[in-house]
Amino acid sequence: MCLAKAFLGKVEKEDLIMEDISTVRVDGKKLNLRSLFGEQKEIEGIIKEIDFQNARIIVEQTG
């Protein structure tokens, strides 16, 4: 199983926000990310791109 990774702005290791993402919830300008292992992160930003083939979510931070 290949779960998503979220990156800030571009796909670079140093821009990695979170790995093994199973759920993304959008609440206005906030993104709630949850991993398969129960880890949670909330960031202020918008989704710029979702690449299903490569399991990547690109986020642009707004705050």
PDB file of N, CA and C in Angstrom:
ATOM      1  N   MET A   1       0.853  -1.179   0.000  1.00  0.00           N
ATOM      2  CA  MET A   1       0.000   0.000   0.000  1.00  0.00           C
ATOM      3  C   MET A   1       0.897   1.240   0.000  1.00  0.00           C
ATOM      4  N   CYS A   2       0.576   2.179  -0.848  1.00  0.00           N
ATOM      5  CA  CYS A   2       1.361   3.403  -0.953  1.00  0.00           C
ATOM      6  C   CYS A   2       0.492   4.587  -0.526  1.00  0.00           C
ATOM      7  N   LEU A   3       0.784   5.127   0.644  1.00  0.00           N
ATOM      8  CA  LEU A   3       0.029   6.267   1.137  1.00  0.00           C
ATOM      9  C   LEU A   3       0.736   7.555   0.734  1.00  0.00           C
ATOM     10  N   ALA A   4       0.018   8.646   0.794  1.00  0.00           N
ATOM     11  CA  ALA A   4       0.513   9.922   0.281  1.00  0.00           C
ATOM     12  C   ALA A   4       1.531  10.578   1.205  1.00  0.00           C
ATOM     13  N   LYS A   5       2.352  11.422   0.588  1.00  0.00           N
ATOM     14  CA  LYS A   5       3.267  12.313   1.292  1.00  0.00           C
ATOM     15  C   LYS A   5       2.859  13.733   0.933  1.00  0.00           C
ATOM     16  N   ALA A   6       2.913  14.626   1.909  1.00  0.00           N
ATOM     17  CA  ALA A   6       2.581  16.030   1.665  1.00  0.00           C
ATOM     18  C   ALA A   6       3.864  16.862   1.685  1.00  0.00           C
ATOM     19  N   PHE A   7       3.973  17.752   0.701  1.00  0.00           N
ATOM     20  CA  PHE A   7       5.141  18.617   0.568  1.00  0.00           C
ATOM     21  C   PHE A   7       4.697  20.064   0.538  1.00  0.00           C
ATOM     22  N   LEU A   8       5.554  20.937   1.044  1.00  0.00           N
ATOM     23  CA  LEU A   8       5.284  22.359   1.044  1.00  0.00           C
ATOM     24  C   LEU A   8       5.908  22.983  -0.195  1.00  0.00           C
ATOM     25  N   GLY A   9       5.063  23.341  -1.154  1.00  0.00           N
ATOM     26  CA  GLY A   9       5.507  24.078  -2.332  1.00  0.00           C
ATOM     27  C   GLY A   9       6.130  23.271  -3.442  1.00  0.00           C
ATOM     28  N   LYS A  10       7.046  22.353  -3.123  1.00  0.00           N
ATOM     29  CA  LYS A  10       7.706  21.558  -4.150  1.00  0.00           C
ATOM     30  C   LYS A  10       8.100  20.212  -3.558  1.00  0.00           C
ATOM     31  N   VAL A  11       8.433  19.289  -4.428  1.00  0.00           N
ATOM     32  CA  VAL A  11       8.758  17.938  -3.972  1.00  0.00           C
ATOM     33  C   VAL A  11      10.254  17.858  -3.676  1.00  0.00           C
ATOM     34  N   GLU A  12      10.623  18.218  -2.472  1.00  0.00           N
ATOM     35  CA  GLU A  12      11.996  18.128  -1.986  1.00  0.00           C
ATOM     36  C   GLU A  12      11.948  17.523  -0.590  1.00  0.00           C
ATOM     37  N   LYS A  13      12.944  16.744  -0.243  1.00  0.00           N
ATOM     38  CA  LYS A  13      12.946  16.086   1.063  1.00  0.00           C
ATOM     39  C   LYS A  13      12.829  17.097   2.196  1.00  0.00           C
ATOM     40  N   GLU A  14      13.500  18.234   2.086  1.00  0.00           N
ATOM     41  CA  GLU A  14      13.454  19.227   3.165  1.00  0.00           C
ATOM     42  C   GLU A  14      12.109  19.935   3.249  1.00  0.00           C
ATOM     43  N   ASP A  15      11.267  19.799   2.238  1.00  0.00           N
ATOM     44  CA  ASP A  15       9.945  20.409   2.232  1.00  0.00           C
ATOM     45  C   ASP A  15       8.841  19.417   2.602  1.00  0.00           C
ATOM     46  N   LEU A  16       9.222  18.242   3.091  1.00  0.00           N
ATOM     47  CA  LEU A  16       8.259  17.217   3.477  1.00  0.00           C
ATOM     48  C   LEU A  16       7.506  17.656   4.729  1.00  0.00           C
ATOM     49  N   ILE A  17       6.182  17.649   4.654  1.00  0.00           N
ATOM     50  CA  ILE A  17       5.340  18.001   5.798  1.00  0.00           C
ATOM     51  C   ILE A  17       5.008  16.753   6.604  1.00  0.00           C
ATOM     52  N   MET A  18       4.606  15.696   5.882  1.00  0.00           N
ATOM     53  CA  MET A  18       4.135  14.489   6.570  1.00  0.00           C
ATOM     54  C   MET A  18       4.131  13.325   5.594  1.00  0.00           C
ATOM     55  N   GLU A  19       4.330  12.108   6.126  1.00  0.00           N
ATOM     56  CA  GLU A  19       4.297  10.887   5.328  1.00  0.00           C
ATOM     57  C   GLU A  19       3.138  10.000   5.759  1.00  0.00           C
ATOM     58  N   ASP A  20       2.855   9.001   4.944  1.00  0.00           N
ATOM     59  CA  ASP A  20       1.847   7.980   5.241  1.00  0.00           C
ATOM     60  C   ASP A  20       0.471   8.578   5.528  1.00  0.00           C
ATOM     61  N   ILE A  21       0.103   9.591   4.753  1.00  0.00           N
ATOM     62  CA  ILE A  21      -1.171  10.282   4.956  1.00  0.00           C
ATOM     63  C   ILE A  21      -2.312   9.421   4.433  1.00  0.00           C
ATOM     64  N   SER A  22      -3.281   9.207   5.302  1.00  0.00           N
ATOM     65  CA  SER A  22      -4.449   8.431   4.903  1.00  0.00           C
ATOM     66  C   SER A  22      -5.683   9.310   4.742  1.00  0.00           C
ATOM     67  N   THR A  23      -5.707  10.487   5.417  1.00  0.00           N
ATOM     68  CA  THR A  23      -6.868  11.370   5.360  1.00  0.00           C
ATOM     69  C   THR A  23      -6.430  12.829   5.301  1.00  0.00           C
ATOM     70  N   VAL A  24      -7.082  13.591   4.422  1.00  0.00           N
ATOM     71  CA  VAL A  24      -6.905  15.042   4.381  1.00  0.00           C
ATOM     72  C   VAL A  24      -8.290  15.662   4.506  1.00  0.00           C
ATOM     73  N   ARG A  25      -8.451  16.512   5.489  1.00  0.00           N
ATOM     74  CA  ARG A  25      -9.717  17.216   5.674  1.00  0.00           C
ATOM     75  C   ARG A  25      -9.460  18.705   5.481  1.00  0.00           C
ATOM     76  N   VAL A  26     -10.265  19.328   4.622  1.00  0.00           N
ATOM     77  CA  VAL A  26     -10.146  20.753   4.336  1.00  0.00           C
ATOM     78  C   VAL A  26     -11.199  21.492   5.146  1.00  0.00           C
ATOM     79  N   ASP A  27     -10.745  22.473   5.926  1.00  0.00           N
ATOM     80  CA  ASP A  27     -11.638  23.280   6.758  1.00  0.00           C
ATOM     81  C   ASP A  27     -11.295  24.745   6.503  1.00  0.00           C
ATOM     82  N   GLY A  28     -11.925  25.312   5.493  1.00  0.00           N
ATOM     83  CA  GLY A  28     -11.585  26.681   5.103  1.00  0.00           C
ATOM     84  C   GLY A  28     -10.177  26.731   4.550  1.00  0.00           C
ATOM     85  N   LYS A  29      -9.296  27.491   5.207  1.00  0.00           N
ATOM     86  CA  LYS A  29      -7.902  27.578   4.776  1.00  0.00           C
ATOM     87  C   LYS A  29      -6.989  26.702   5.620  1.00  0.00           C
ATOM     88  N   LYS A  30      -7.568  25.783   6.377  1.00  0.00           N
ATOM     89  CA  LYS A  30      -6.785  24.863   7.187  1.00  0.00           C
ATOM     90  C   LYS A  30      -6.885  23.462   6.600  1.00  0.00           C
ATOM     91  N   LEU A  31      -5.778  22.759   6.630  1.00  0.00           N
ATOM     92  CA  LEU A  31      -5.730  21.373   6.195  1.00  0.00           C
ATOM     93  C   LEU A  31      -5.405  20.520   7.413  1.00  0.00           C
ATOM     94  N   ASN A  32      -6.217  19.531   7.655  1.00  0.00           N
ATOM     95  CA  ASN A  32      -5.987  18.584   8.741  1.00  0.00           C
ATOM     96  C   ASN A  32      -5.505  17.287   8.108  1.00  0.00           C
ATOM     97  N   LEU A  33      -4.259  16.937   8.380  1.00  0.00           N
ATOM     98  CA  LEU A  33      -3.642  15.736   7.827  1.00  0.00           C
ATOM     99  C   LEU A  33      -3.587  14.667   8.909  1.00  0.00           C
ATOM    100  N   ARG A  34      -3.917  13.453   8.559  1.00  0.00           N
ATOM    101  CA  ARG A  34      -3.860  12.341   9.506  1.00  0.00           C
ATOM    102  C   ARG A  34      -3.163  11.165   8.828  1.00  0.00           C
ATOM    103  N   SER A  35      -2.220  10.577   9.548  1.00  0.00           N
ATOM    104  CA  SER A  35      -1.491   9.433   9.006  1.00  0.00           C
ATOM    105  C   SER A  35      -2.189   8.129   9.363  1.00  0.00           C
ATOM    106  N   LEU A  36      -1.757   7.093   8.724  1.00  0.00           N
ATOM    107  CA  LEU A  36      -2.260   5.755   8.992  1.00  0.00           C
ATOM    108  C   LEU A  36      -2.001   5.352  10.441  1.00  0.00           C
ATOM    109  N   PHE A  37      -0.977   5.947  11.040  1.00  0.00           N
ATOM    110  CA  PHE A  37      -0.569   5.592  12.398  1.00  0.00           C
ATOM    111  C   PHE A  37      -1.153   6.521  13.460  1.00  0.00           C
ATOM    112  N   GLY A  38      -2.080   7.421  13.067  1.00  0.00           N
ATOM    113  CA  GLY A  38      -2.757   8.286  14.020  1.00  0.00           C
ATOM    114  C   GLY A  38      -2.114   9.642  14.239  1.00  0.00           C
ATOM    115  N   GLU A  39      -0.958   9.885  13.639  1.00  0.00           N
ATOM    116  CA  GLU A  39      -0.316  11.195  13.757  1.00  0.00           C
ATOM    117  C   GLU A  39      -1.194  12.234  13.058  1.00  0.00           C
ATOM    118  N   GLN A  40      -1.314  13.424  13.647  1.00  0.00           N
ATOM    119  CA  GLN A  40      -2.121  14.485  13.063  1.00  0.00           C
ATOM    120  C   GLN A  40      -1.320  15.772  12.979  1.00  0.00           C
ATOM    121  N   LYS A  41      -1.556  16.535  11.906  1.00  0.00           N
ATOM    122  CA  LYS A  41      -0.980  17.863  11.748  1.00  0.00           C
ATOM    123  C   LYS A  41      -2.047  18.759  11.156  1.00  0.00           C
ATOM    124  N   GLU A  42      -2.064  19.988  11.635  1.00  0.00           N
ATOM    125  CA  GLU A  42      -2.959  20.988  11.051  1.00  0.00           C
ATOM    126  C   GLU A  42      -2.085  22.125  10.550  1.00  0.00           C
ATOM    127  N   ILE A  43      -2.250  22.463   9.269  1.00  0.00           N
ATOM    128  CA  ILE A  43      -1.489  23.569   8.704  1.00  0.00           C
ATOM    129  C   ILE A  43      -2.440  24.510   7.991  1.00  0.00           C
ATOM    130  N   GLU A  44      -2.041  25.755   7.924  1.00  0.00           N
ATOM    131  CA  GLU A  44      -2.824  26.735   7.197  1.00  0.00           C
ATOM    132  C   GLU A  44      -2.274  26.779   5.778  1.00  0.00           C
ATOM    133  N   GLY A  45      -3.105  26.416   4.819  1.00  0.00           N
ATOM    134  CA  GLY A  45      -2.655  26.374   3.443  1.00  0.00           C
ATOM    135  C   GLY A  45      -3.746  25.876   2.519  1.00  0.00           C
ATOM    136  N   ILE A  46      -3.380  25.813   1.249  1.00  0.00           N
ATOM    137  CA  ILE A  46      -4.302  25.307   0.241  1.00  0.00           C
ATOM    138  C   ILE A  46      -3.611  24.205  -0.554  1.00  0.00           C
ATOM    139  N   ILE A  47      -4.388  23.278  -1.042  1.00  0.00           N
ATOM    140  CA  ILE A  47      -3.854  22.204  -1.880  1.00  0.00           C
ATOM    141  C   ILE A  47      -3.663  22.746  -3.290  1.00  0.00           C
ATOM    142  N   LYS A  48      -2.425  22.676  -3.776  1.00  0.00           N
ATOM    143  CA  LYS A  48      -2.119  23.131  -5.132  1.00  0.00           C
ATOM    144  C   LYS A  48      -2.200  21.981  -6.138  1.00  0.00           C
ATOM    145  N   GLU A  49      -1.846  20.787  -5.696  1.00  0.00           N
ATOM    146  CA  GLU A  49      -1.818  19.650  -6.617  1.00  0.00           C
ATOM    147  C   GLU A  49      -1.901  18.352  -5.831  1.00  0.00           C
ATOM    148  N   ILE A  50      -2.613  17.392  -6.402  1.00  0.00           N
ATOM    149  CA  ILE A  50      -2.613  16.028  -5.881  1.00  0.00           C
ATOM    150  C   ILE A  50      -2.197  15.123  -7.028  1.00  0.00           C
ATOM    151  N   ASP A  51      -1.116  14.392  -6.823  1.00  0.00           N
ATOM    152  CA  ASP A  51      -0.595  13.465  -7.819  1.00  0.00           C
ATOM    153  C   ASP A  51      -0.873  12.056  -7.301  1.00  0.00           C
ATOM    154  N   PHE A  52      -1.947  11.456  -7.767  1.00  0.00           N
ATOM    155  CA  PHE A  52      -2.345  10.131  -7.292  1.00  0.00           C
ATOM    156  C   PHE A  52      -1.353   9.052  -7.712  1.00  0.00           C
ATOM    157  N   GLN A  53      -0.799   9.174  -8.902  1.00  0.00           N
ATOM    158  CA  GLN A  53       0.121   8.161  -9.406  1.00  0.00           C
ATOM    159  C   GLN A  53       1.387   8.070  -8.541  1.00  0.00           C
ATOM    160  N   ASN A  54       1.877   9.219  -8.078  1.00  0.00           N
ATOM    161  CA  ASN A  54       3.089   9.240  -7.263  1.00  0.00           C
ATOM    162  C   ASN A  54       2.811   9.477  -5.774  1.00  0.00           C
ATOM    163  N   ALA A  55       1.542   9.482  -5.389  1.00  0.00           N
ATOM    164  CA  ALA A  55       1.110   9.615  -3.991  1.00  0.00           C
ATOM    165  C   ALA A  55       1.677  10.866  -3.331  1.00  0.00           C
ATOM    166  N   ARG A  56       1.514  12.015  -4.015  1.00  0.00           N
ATOM    167  CA  ARG A  56       2.033  13.287  -3.508  1.00  0.00           C
ATOM    168  C   ARG A  56       0.931  14.332  -3.417  1.00  0.00           C
ATOM    169  N   ILE A  57       0.997  15.115  -2.354  1.00  0.00           N
ATOM    170  CA  ILE A  57       0.095  16.256  -2.183  1.00  0.00           C
ATOM    171  C   ILE A  57       0.991  17.487  -2.047  1.00  0.00           C
ATOM    172  N   ILE A  58       0.777  18.475  -2.907  1.00  0.00           N
ATOM    173  CA  ILE A  58       1.560  19.699  -2.866  1.00  0.00           C
ATOM    174  C   ILE A  58       0.696  20.787  -2.218  1.00  0.00           C
ATOM    175  N   VAL A  59       1.236  21.404  -1.159  1.00  0.00           N
ATOM    176  CA  VAL A  59       0.508  22.391  -0.380  1.00  0.00           C
ATOM    177  C   VAL A  59       1.215  23.748  -0.496  1.00  0.00           C
ATOM    178  N   GLU A  60       0.414  24.800  -0.639  1.00  0.00           N
ATOM    179  CA  GLU A  60       0.937  26.159  -0.577  1.00  0.00           C
ATOM    180  C   GLU A  60       0.482  26.761   0.740  1.00  0.00           C
ATOM    181  N   GLN A  61       1.439  27.161   1.561  1.00  0.00           N
ATOM    182  CA  GLN A  61       1.121  27.707   2.874  1.00  0.00           C
ATOM    183  C   GLN A  61       0.570  29.131   2.726  1.00  0.00           C
ATOM    184  N   THR A  62      -0.485  29.423   3.479  1.00  0.00           N
ATOM    185  CA  THR A  62      -1.118  30.745   3.384  1.00  0.00           C
ATOM    186  C   THR A  62      -0.929  31.567   4.645  1.00  0.00           C
ATOM    187  N   GLY A  63      -0.469  30.987   5.710  1.00  0.00           N
ATOM    188  CA  GLY A  63      -0.367  31.719   6.976  1.00  0.00           C
ATOM    189  C   GLY A  63       0.996  31.836   7.525  1.00  0.00           C
TER     190      GLY A  63
END
